[in-house]
Amino acid sequence: MKKALIIFSTLFLIANTNAQEKSLPNIEVKTLKGKTFNIQDLDNEGSPMVMSFWATWCKPCKKELNAIAEVYEDWQDETGVKLIAISIDDSRSMSKVAPYVNSSDWEYEIYLDQNSDLKRAMGVSTVPHTFLINGNGKIVWNHKGYIDGDEEKLFEEIQNLVSK
């Protein structure tokens, strides 16, 4: 029954990305330094946040986050947005996360979802999977996959959110 409820909830979230805002789940993740952090404690002082699920083995994920990195400072200046990158790397590839992040010069908050608890709670089945969270901590938009230019659509959604 629990599995059926999770599957139904996931399908409902996918089908109704804008129809119903959902809150961030009460799930703990780790920082790159190994400290525990509850994802519900994310805050951007009323400005939007982008949560991007990614992995070191996922080329589209890295391409998306690198493309955003090139314009991230402008996005922050214009909208106050904060990007949170959630690695879903497992025990086999987890050791590659910090070196990759450090070499990428990302200015994002990076968290590790080692047991995939957050991934499951958010209904993430494939990466990259990007969520837009409003200033009240509600998920208002999400997108799966990445092709060149998707970051422009994301920025449009961020701009629409801050202009409301």
N, C-alpha and C. Protein backbone atom coordinates (compact mmCIF):
# COMPACT_ATOMS: atom_id res chain seq x y z
N MET A 1 0.82 -1.20 0.00
CA MET A 1 0.00 0.00 0.00
C MET A 1 0.86 1.26 0.00
N LYS A 2 1.92 1.24 0.83
CA LYS A 2 2.80 2.40 0.92
C LYS A 2 3.46 2.68 -0.44
N LYS A 3 3.90 1.59 -1.11
CA LYS A 3 4.53 1.74 -2.43
C LYS A 3 3.55 2.34 -3.43
N ALA A 4 2.33 1.88 -3.40
CA ALA A 4 1.31 2.39 -4.32
C ALA A 4 1.06 3.88 -4.05
N LEU A 5 1.06 4.26 -2.79
CA LEU A 5 0.85 5.66 -2.44
C LEU A 5 2.01 6.52 -2.93
N ILE A 6 3.22 6.04 -2.79
CA ILE A 6 4.39 6.78 -3.26
C ILE A 6 4.34 6.93 -4.78
N ILE A 7 4.02 5.86 -5.48
CA ILE A 7 3.93 5.90 -6.94
C ILE A 7 2.84 6.88 -7.37
N PHE A 8 1.68 6.80 -6.74
CA PHE A 8 0.59 7.71 -7.08
C PHE A 8 0.99 9.15 -6.83
N SER A 9 1.61 9.41 -5.67
CA SER A 9 2.05 10.77 -5.35
C SER A 9 3.04 11.30 -6.36
N THR A 10 3.97 10.45 -6.78
CA THR A 10 4.96 10.85 -7.77
C THR A 10 4.30 11.19 -9.10
N LEU A 11 3.41 10.34 -9.55
CA LEU A 11 2.72 10.59 -10.81
C LEU A 11 1.87 11.85 -10.72
N PHE A 12 1.23 12.06 -9.58
CA PHE A 12 0.43 13.26 -9.40
C PHE A 12 1.30 14.51 -9.47
N LEU A 13 2.46 14.46 -8.82
CA LEU A 13 3.38 15.61 -8.84
C LEU A 13 3.83 15.90 -10.27
N ILE A 14 4.16 14.88 -11.02
CA ILE A 14 4.62 15.07 -12.39
C ILE A 14 3.49 15.65 -13.25
N ALA A 15 2.30 15.13 -13.09
CA ALA A 15 1.18 15.57 -13.92
C ALA A 15 0.66 16.95 -13.55
N ASN A 16 0.91 17.37 -12.33
CA ASN A 16 0.34 18.63 -11.85
C ASN A 16 1.41 19.54 -11.28
N THR A 17 2.44 19.82 -12.06
CA THR A 17 3.56 20.59 -11.54
C THR A 17 3.16 21.98 -11.07
N ASN A 18 2.22 22.61 -11.72
CA ASN A 18 1.81 23.95 -11.32
C ASN A 18 0.44 23.96 -10.63
N ALA A 19 -0.28 22.86 -10.71
CA ALA A 19 -1.63 22.85 -10.18
C ALA A 19 -1.65 22.90 -8.66
N GLN A 20 -0.67 22.32 -8.01
CA GLN A 20 -0.66 22.29 -6.56
C GLN A 20 0.76 22.43 -6.07
N GLU A 21 1.00 23.44 -5.26
CA GLU A 21 2.32 23.65 -4.71
C GLU A 21 2.55 22.67 -3.58
N LYS A 22 3.75 22.09 -3.53
CA LYS A 22 4.12 21.14 -2.48
C LYS A 22 5.29 21.70 -1.72
N SER A 23 5.35 21.34 -0.45
CA SER A 23 6.45 21.77 0.40
C SER A 23 7.63 20.80 0.27
N LEU A 24 8.79 21.27 0.68
CA LEU A 24 9.96 20.41 0.73
C LEU A 24 9.76 19.36 1.82
N PRO A 25 10.20 18.13 1.59
CA PRO A 25 10.01 17.07 2.59
C PRO A 25 10.96 17.23 3.77
N ASN A 26 10.65 16.56 4.86
CA ASN A 26 11.47 16.56 6.06
C ASN A 26 12.51 15.44 5.92
N ILE A 27 13.57 15.74 5.18
CA ILE A 27 14.61 14.75 4.86
C ILE A 27 15.98 15.35 5.17
N GLU A 28 16.86 14.53 5.72
CA GLU A 28 18.22 14.98 5.99
C GLU A 28 19.17 14.54 4.88
N VAL A 29 20.06 15.44 4.52
CA VAL A 29 21.12 15.19 3.55
C VAL A 29 22.44 15.55 4.22
N LYS A 30 23.53 15.35 3.52
CA LYS A 30 24.86 15.68 4.06
C LYS A 30 25.49 16.81 3.24
N THR A 31 26.28 17.63 3.93
CA THR A 31 27.09 18.61 3.22
C THR A 31 28.33 17.91 2.70
N LEU A 32 29.12 18.60 1.89
CA LEU A 32 30.36 18.00 1.40
C LEU A 32 31.34 17.73 2.54
N LYS A 33 31.16 18.42 3.66
CA LYS A 33 32.04 18.20 4.82
C LYS A 33 31.48 17.14 5.77
N GLY A 34 30.37 16.51 5.40
CA GLY A 34 29.81 15.42 6.19
C GLY A 34 28.82 15.81 7.26
N LYS A 35 28.46 17.08 7.35
CA LYS A 35 27.47 17.51 8.34
C LYS A 35 26.07 17.21 7.84
N THR A 36 25.18 16.87 8.75
CA THR A 36 23.79 16.58 8.43
C THR A 36 23.01 17.88 8.33
N PHE A 37 22.12 17.95 7.34
CA PHE A 37 21.33 19.15 7.10
C PHE A 37 19.92 18.73 6.69
N ASN A 38 18.91 19.29 7.33
CA ASN A 38 17.53 19.00 6.96
C ASN A 38 17.12 19.92 5.81
N ILE A 39 16.64 19.34 4.75
CA ILE A 39 16.32 20.09 3.54
C ILE A 39 15.22 21.12 3.79
N GLN A 40 14.36 20.90 4.80
CA GLN A 40 13.33 21.87 5.13
C GLN A 40 13.92 23.16 5.71
N ASP A 41 15.18 23.11 6.12
CA ASP A 41 15.83 24.30 6.68
C ASP A 41 16.41 25.22 5.60
N LEU A 42 16.26 24.84 4.34
CA LEU A 42 16.73 25.71 3.26
C LEU A 42 15.98 27.03 3.32
N ASP A 43 16.69 28.11 3.13
CA ASP A 43 16.07 29.42 3.19
C ASP A 43 16.81 30.37 2.26
N ASN A 44 16.08 31.24 1.63
CA ASN A 44 16.69 32.25 0.78
C ASN A 44 16.02 33.61 1.03
N GLU A 45 15.61 33.83 2.26
CA GLU A 45 15.04 35.11 2.70
C GLU A 45 13.92 35.61 1.78
N GLY A 46 13.05 34.70 1.39
CA GLY A 46 11.89 35.07 0.57
C GLY A 46 12.13 35.07 -0.93
N SER A 47 13.35 34.83 -1.35
CA SER A 47 13.66 34.76 -2.79
C SER A 47 13.60 33.30 -3.25
N PRO A 48 13.45 33.08 -4.55
CA PRO A 48 13.33 31.71 -5.05
C PRO A 48 14.62 30.90 -4.94
N MET A 49 14.44 29.59 -4.97
CA MET A 49 15.56 28.66 -4.98
C MET A 49 15.34 27.65 -6.10
N VAL A 50 16.44 27.20 -6.66
CA VAL A 50 16.41 26.14 -7.65
C VAL A 50 17.11 24.95 -7.02
N MET A 51 16.46 23.79 -7.06
CA MET A 51 17.07 22.56 -6.57
C MET A 51 17.27 21.63 -7.75
N SER A 52 18.53 21.31 -8.00
CA SER A 52 18.86 20.47 -9.15
C SER A 52 19.46 19.15 -8.67
N PHE A 53 18.82 18.06 -9.02
CA PHE A 53 19.35 16.73 -8.72
C PHE A 53 20.29 16.34 -9.86
N TRP A 54 21.48 15.85 -9.50
CA TRP A 54 22.51 15.55 -10.48
C TRP A 54 23.39 14.41 -9.97
N ALA A 55 24.29 13.95 -10.82
CA ALA A 55 25.27 12.92 -10.44
C ALA A 55 26.54 13.13 -11.26
N THR A 56 27.67 12.70 -10.71
CA THR A 56 28.94 12.88 -11.41
C THR A 56 29.00 12.07 -12.70
N TRP A 57 28.25 10.98 -12.78
CA TRP A 57 28.27 10.14 -13.98
C TRP A 57 27.27 10.62 -15.04
N CYS A 58 26.52 11.68 -14.75
CA CYS A 58 25.46 12.17 -15.64
C CYS A 58 25.96 13.37 -16.45
N LYS A 59 26.27 13.16 -17.72
CA LYS A 59 26.79 14.24 -18.56
C LYS A 59 25.79 15.38 -18.75
N PRO A 60 24.49 15.11 -19.00
CA PRO A 60 23.55 16.23 -19.12
C PRO A 60 23.44 17.04 -17.82
N CYS A 61 23.56 16.36 -16.67
CA CYS A 61 23.50 17.07 -15.38
C CYS A 61 24.63 18.08 -15.28
N LYS A 62 25.84 17.60 -15.56
CA LYS A 62 27.01 18.47 -15.46
C LYS A 62 26.94 19.59 -16.49
N LYS A 63 26.43 19.28 -17.66
CA LYS A 63 26.29 20.29 -18.70
C LYS A 63 25.32 21.39 -18.26
N GLU A 64 24.19 20.99 -17.67
CA GLU A 64 23.21 21.96 -17.18
C GLU A 64 23.81 22.84 -16.08
N LEU A 65 24.42 22.22 -15.08
CA LEU A 65 24.96 23.00 -13.96
C LEU A 65 26.12 23.89 -14.40
N ASN A 66 26.91 23.44 -15.36
CA ASN A 66 27.99 24.29 -15.89
C ASN A 66 27.42 25.46 -16.70
N ALA A 67 26.35 25.22 -17.45
CA ALA A 67 25.73 26.30 -18.22
C ALA A 67 25.14 27.35 -17.28
N ILE A 68 24.50 26.90 -16.22
CA ILE A 68 23.94 27.84 -15.25
C ILE A 68 25.06 28.60 -14.54
N ALA A 69 26.16 27.93 -14.25
CA ALA A 69 27.29 28.58 -13.56
C ALA A 69 27.78 29.81 -14.32
N GLU A 70 27.70 29.75 -15.64
CA GLU A 70 28.16 30.88 -16.47
C GLU A 70 27.30 32.12 -16.30
N VAL A 71 26.03 31.96 -15.93
CA VAL A 71 25.11 33.08 -15.81
C VAL A 71 24.57 33.26 -14.39
N TYR A 72 25.01 32.42 -13.49
CA TYR A 72 24.45 32.38 -12.13
C TYR A 72 24.57 33.72 -11.40
N GLU A 73 25.70 34.37 -11.51
CA GLU A 73 25.87 35.66 -10.82
C GLU A 73 24.87 36.69 -11.33
N ASP A 74 24.63 36.71 -12.64
CA ASP A 74 23.63 37.63 -13.21
C ASP A 74 22.23 37.27 -12.70
N TRP A 75 21.92 35.97 -12.66
CA TRP A 75 20.62 35.52 -12.16
C TRP A 75 20.42 35.99 -10.72
N GLN A 76 21.47 35.84 -9.91
CA GLN A 76 21.37 36.24 -8.51
C GLN A 76 21.16 37.75 -8.39
N ASP A 77 21.91 38.51 -9.16
CA ASP A 77 21.76 39.96 -9.13
C ASP A 77 20.35 40.40 -9.51
N GLU A 78 19.79 39.73 -10.52
CA GLU A 78 18.48 40.14 -11.04
C GLU A 78 17.31 39.61 -10.20
N THR A 79 17.44 38.39 -9.66
CA THR A 79 16.28 37.76 -9.01
C THR A 79 16.51 37.34 -7.57
N GLY A 80 17.75 37.29 -7.12
CA GLY A 80 18.05 36.81 -5.78
C GLY A 80 18.00 35.31 -5.64
N VAL A 81 17.90 34.58 -6.74
CA VAL A 81 17.77 33.13 -6.72
C VAL A 81 19.01 32.47 -6.11
N LYS A 82 18.79 31.34 -5.47
CA LYS A 82 19.88 30.52 -4.95
C LYS A 82 19.73 29.13 -5.54
N LEU A 83 20.84 28.53 -5.98
CA LEU A 83 20.80 27.19 -6.54
C LEU A 83 21.37 26.20 -5.54
N ILE A 84 20.66 25.11 -5.36
CA ILE A 84 21.07 24.01 -4.49
C ILE A 84 21.22 22.79 -5.40
N ALA A 85 22.41 22.21 -5.42
CA ALA A 85 22.67 21.03 -6.24
C ALA A 85 22.71 19.81 -5.32
N ILE A 86 21.86 18.84 -5.60
CA ILE A 86 21.75 17.63 -4.78
C ILE A 86 22.35 16.46 -5.56
N SER A 87 23.47 15.96 -5.08
CA SER A 87 24.10 14.81 -5.73
C SER A 87 23.41 13.52 -5.30
N ILE A 88 23.07 12.69 -6.28
CA ILE A 88 22.48 11.39 -5.98
C ILE A 88 23.51 10.27 -6.16
N ASP A 89 24.79 10.65 -6.23
CA ASP A 89 25.83 9.63 -6.34
C ASP A 89 25.73 8.65 -5.18
N ASP A 90 25.97 7.37 -5.48
CA ASP A 90 25.92 6.35 -4.43
C ASP A 90 27.33 6.11 -3.88
N SER A 91 27.47 5.10 -3.06
CA SER A 91 28.74 4.84 -2.39
C SER A 91 29.89 4.58 -3.37
N ARG A 92 29.59 4.08 -4.56
CA ARG A 92 30.64 3.81 -5.54
C ARG A 92 31.21 5.08 -6.16
N SER A 93 30.40 6.12 -6.29
CA SER A 93 30.86 7.33 -6.97
C SER A 93 30.87 8.57 -6.07
N MET A 94 30.44 8.44 -4.82
CA MET A 94 30.35 9.57 -3.90
C MET A 94 31.69 10.29 -3.73
N SER A 95 32.78 9.56 -3.77
CA SER A 95 34.10 10.17 -3.56
C SER A 95 34.49 11.10 -4.71
N LYS A 96 33.78 11.06 -5.81
CA LYS A 96 34.08 11.92 -6.97
C LYS A 96 33.37 13.28 -6.90
N VAL A 97 32.40 13.41 -5.99
CA VAL A 97 31.57 14.62 -5.95
C VAL A 97 32.40 15.85 -5.58
N ALA A 98 33.06 15.83 -4.44
CA ALA A 98 33.81 17.01 -3.98
C ALA A 98 34.89 17.42 -4.96
N PRO A 99 35.72 16.49 -5.48
CA PRO A 99 36.72 16.92 -6.47
C PRO A 99 36.10 17.54 -7.72
N TYR A 100 34.97 16.97 -8.19
CA TYR A 100 34.33 17.53 -9.37
C TYR A 100 33.80 18.94 -9.09
N VAL A 101 33.13 19.10 -7.96
CA VAL A 101 32.58 20.41 -7.58
C VAL A 101 33.70 21.43 -7.45
N ASN A 102 34.78 21.06 -6.78
CA ASN A 102 35.90 22.00 -6.59
C ASN A 102 36.54 22.40 -7.91
N SER A 103 36.61 21.48 -8.85
CA SER A 103 37.22 21.80 -10.14
C SER A 103 36.26 22.57 -11.05
N SER A 104 34.97 22.53 -10.74
CA SER A 104 33.96 23.19 -11.58
C SER A 104 33.74 24.65 -11.21
N ASP A 105 34.23 25.06 -10.06
CA ASP A 105 34.08 26.45 -9.63
C ASP A 105 32.62 26.86 -9.53
N TRP A 106 31.79 25.95 -9.04
CA TRP A 106 30.38 26.24 -8.84
C TRP A 106 30.21 27.05 -7.56
N GLU A 107 29.29 28.01 -7.59
CA GLU A 107 28.99 28.82 -6.42
C GLU A 107 27.68 28.36 -5.77
N TYR A 108 27.34 27.11 -5.98
CA TYR A 108 26.09 26.56 -5.47
C TYR A 108 26.29 25.93 -4.10
N GLU A 109 25.16 25.77 -3.38
CA GLU A 109 25.18 24.92 -2.20
C GLU A 109 25.07 23.49 -2.71
N ILE A 110 25.94 22.62 -2.22
CA ILE A 110 25.97 21.23 -2.67
C ILE A 110 25.63 20.32 -1.49
N TYR A 111 24.71 19.41 -1.71
CA TYR A 111 24.36 18.42 -0.70
C TYR A 111 24.40 17.03 -1.31
N LEU A 112 24.60 16.05 -0.43
CA LEU A 112 24.70 14.66 -0.85
C LEU A 112 23.48 13.89 -0.35
N ASP A 113 22.78 13.26 -1.26
CA ASP A 113 21.62 12.43 -0.93
C ASP A 113 22.07 10.98 -1.03
N GLN A 114 22.92 10.58 -0.10
CA GLN A 114 23.60 9.28 -0.17
C GLN A 114 22.67 8.08 -0.22
N ASN A 115 21.57 8.15 0.50
CA ASN A 115 20.65 7.01 0.55
C ASN A 115 19.44 7.19 -0.36
N SER A 116 19.45 8.23 -1.16
CA SER A 116 18.35 8.53 -2.09
C SER A 116 17.03 8.81 -1.40
N ASP A 117 17.07 9.18 -0.13
CA ASP A 117 15.83 9.48 0.59
C ASP A 117 15.14 10.71 0.01
N LEU A 118 15.90 11.77 -0.23
CA LEU A 118 15.32 12.99 -0.79
C LEU A 118 14.86 12.74 -2.23
N LYS A 119 15.66 12.03 -2.97
CA LYS A 119 15.31 11.69 -4.36
C LYS A 119 13.95 10.99 -4.40
N ARG A 120 13.75 10.01 -3.55
CA ARG A 120 12.47 9.29 -3.52
C ARG A 120 11.33 10.20 -3.07
N ALA A 121 11.57 10.98 -2.02
CA ALA A 121 10.53 11.85 -1.48
C ALA A 121 10.09 12.91 -2.48
N MET A 122 11.00 13.33 -3.36
CA MET A 122 10.68 14.36 -4.35
C MET A 122 10.21 13.77 -5.67
N GLY A 123 10.17 12.44 -5.77
CA GLY A 123 9.69 11.79 -6.98
C GLY A 123 10.66 11.88 -8.15
N VAL A 124 11.95 11.93 -7.85
CA VAL A 124 12.97 12.01 -8.90
C VAL A 124 13.27 10.61 -9.41
N SER A 125 13.02 10.40 -10.69
CA SER A 125 13.29 9.08 -11.28
C SER A 125 14.47 9.13 -12.24
N THR A 126 14.73 10.28 -12.82
CA THR A 126 15.86 10.45 -13.73
C THR A 126 16.54 11.78 -13.41
N VAL A 127 17.81 11.86 -13.74
CA VAL A 127 18.53 13.13 -13.58
C VAL A 127 19.04 13.57 -14.94
N PRO A 128 19.18 14.87 -15.14
CA PRO A 128 18.90 15.92 -14.17
C PRO A 128 17.39 16.12 -13.99
N HIS A 129 17.05 16.53 -12.80
CA HIS A 129 15.66 16.88 -12.46
C HIS A 129 15.75 18.15 -11.64
N THR A 130 15.14 19.20 -12.12
CA THR A 130 15.27 20.52 -11.53
C THR A 130 13.93 21.00 -11.01
N PHE A 131 13.94 21.55 -9.80
CA PHE A 131 12.75 22.08 -9.16
C PHE A 131 12.94 23.57 -8.89
N LEU A 132 11.87 24.33 -9.06
CA LEU A 132 11.86 25.74 -8.69
C LEU A 132 10.99 25.88 -7.44
N ILE A 133 11.56 26.54 -6.43
CA ILE A 133 10.92 26.67 -5.13
C ILE A 133 10.69 28.16 -4.88
N ASN A 134 9.47 28.52 -4.53
CA ASN A 134 9.18 29.94 -4.31
C ASN A 134 9.74 30.41 -2.96
N GLY A 135 9.57 31.68 -2.67
CA GLY A 135 10.10 32.26 -1.44
C GLY A 135 9.47 31.74 -0.17
N ASN A 136 8.36 31.01 -0.31
CA ASN A 136 7.69 30.40 0.84
C ASN A 136 8.06 28.93 1.01
N GLY A 137 9.01 28.46 0.22
CA GLY A 137 9.45 27.07 0.34
C GLY A 137 8.56 26.06 -0.35
N LYS A 138 7.73 26.52 -1.28
CA LYS A 138 6.82 25.63 -2.01
C LYS A 138 7.38 25.35 -3.41
N ILE A 139 7.28 24.10 -3.83
CA ILE A 139 7.72 23.71 -5.17
C ILE A 139 6.65 24.18 -6.15
N VAL A 140 7.06 25.01 -7.12
CA VAL A 140 6.07 25.59 -8.05
C VAL A 140 6.29 25.16 -9.50
N TRP A 141 7.42 24.50 -9.78
CA TRP A 141 7.72 24.10 -11.16
C TRP A 141 8.81 23.05 -11.11
N ASN A 142 8.81 22.13 -12.08
CA ASN A 142 9.92 21.19 -12.19
C ASN A 142 10.12 20.77 -13.63
N HIS A 143 11.33 20.30 -13.90
CA HIS A 143 11.70 19.93 -15.27
C HIS A 143 12.67 18.76 -15.22
N LYS A 144 12.45 17.79 -16.10
CA LYS A 144 13.34 16.63 -16.20
C LYS A 144 14.20 16.75 -17.44
N GLY A 145 15.43 16.28 -17.34
CA GLY A 145 16.33 16.23 -18.48
C GLY A 145 16.99 17.57 -18.73
N TYR A 146 17.84 17.59 -19.75
CA TYR A 146 18.50 18.83 -20.13
C TYR A 146 18.92 18.77 -21.59
N ILE A 147 18.57 19.82 -22.32
CA ILE A 147 19.12 20.07 -23.64
C ILE A 147 19.57 21.53 -23.64
N ASP A 148 20.51 21.86 -24.51
CA ASP A 148 21.01 23.23 -24.57
C ASP A 148 19.85 24.21 -24.64
N GLY A 149 19.89 25.22 -23.81
CA GLY A 149 18.85 26.24 -23.79
C GLY A 149 17.82 26.05 -22.70
N ASP A 150 17.77 24.88 -22.07
CA ASP A 150 16.80 24.66 -20.99
C ASP A 150 17.01 25.63 -19.84
N GLU A 151 18.25 26.08 -19.64
CA GLU A 151 18.52 27.03 -18.55
C GLU A 151 17.80 28.36 -18.80
N GLU A 152 17.59 28.70 -20.08
CA GLU A 152 16.86 29.93 -20.41
C GLU A 152 15.39 29.82 -20.00
N LYS A 153 14.79 28.65 -20.22
CA LYS A 153 13.41 28.41 -19.79
C LYS A 153 13.33 28.48 -18.26
N LEU A 154 14.30 27.90 -17.58
CA LEU A 154 14.35 27.96 -16.12
C LEU A 154 14.41 29.41 -15.65
N PHE A 155 15.25 30.21 -16.29
CA PHE A 155 15.38 31.60 -15.87
C PHE A 155 14.08 32.37 -16.12
N GLU A 156 13.39 32.06 -17.21
CA GLU A 156 12.07 32.68 -17.46
C GLU A 156 11.11 32.35 -16.32
N GLU A 157 11.12 31.10 -15.87
CA GLU A 157 10.24 30.69 -14.77
C GLU A 157 10.61 31.44 -13.48
N ILE A 158 11.90 31.61 -13.26
CA ILE A 158 12.37 32.35 -12.07
C ILE A 158 11.89 33.79 -12.17
N GLN A 159 12.07 34.41 -13.33
CA GLN A 159 11.65 35.80 -13.52
C GLN A 159 10.13 35.94 -13.33
N ASN A 160 9.35 34.99 -13.87
CA ASN A 160 7.91 35.03 -13.69
C ASN A 160 7.54 34.94 -12.21
N LEU A 161 8.28 34.15 -11.49
CA LEU A 161 8.00 33.96 -10.06
C LEU A 161 8.29 35.23 -9.27
N VAL A 162 9.40 35.89 -9.56
CA VAL A 162 9.74 37.09 -8.79
C VAL A 162 8.92 38.31 -9.21
N SER A 163 8.31 38.26 -10.40
CA SER A 163 7.51 39.40 -10.84
C SER A 163 6.07 39.33 -10.32
N LYS A 164 5.70 38.22 -9.68
CA LYS A 164 4.32 38.06 -9.17
C LYS A 164 4.12 38.90 -7.93
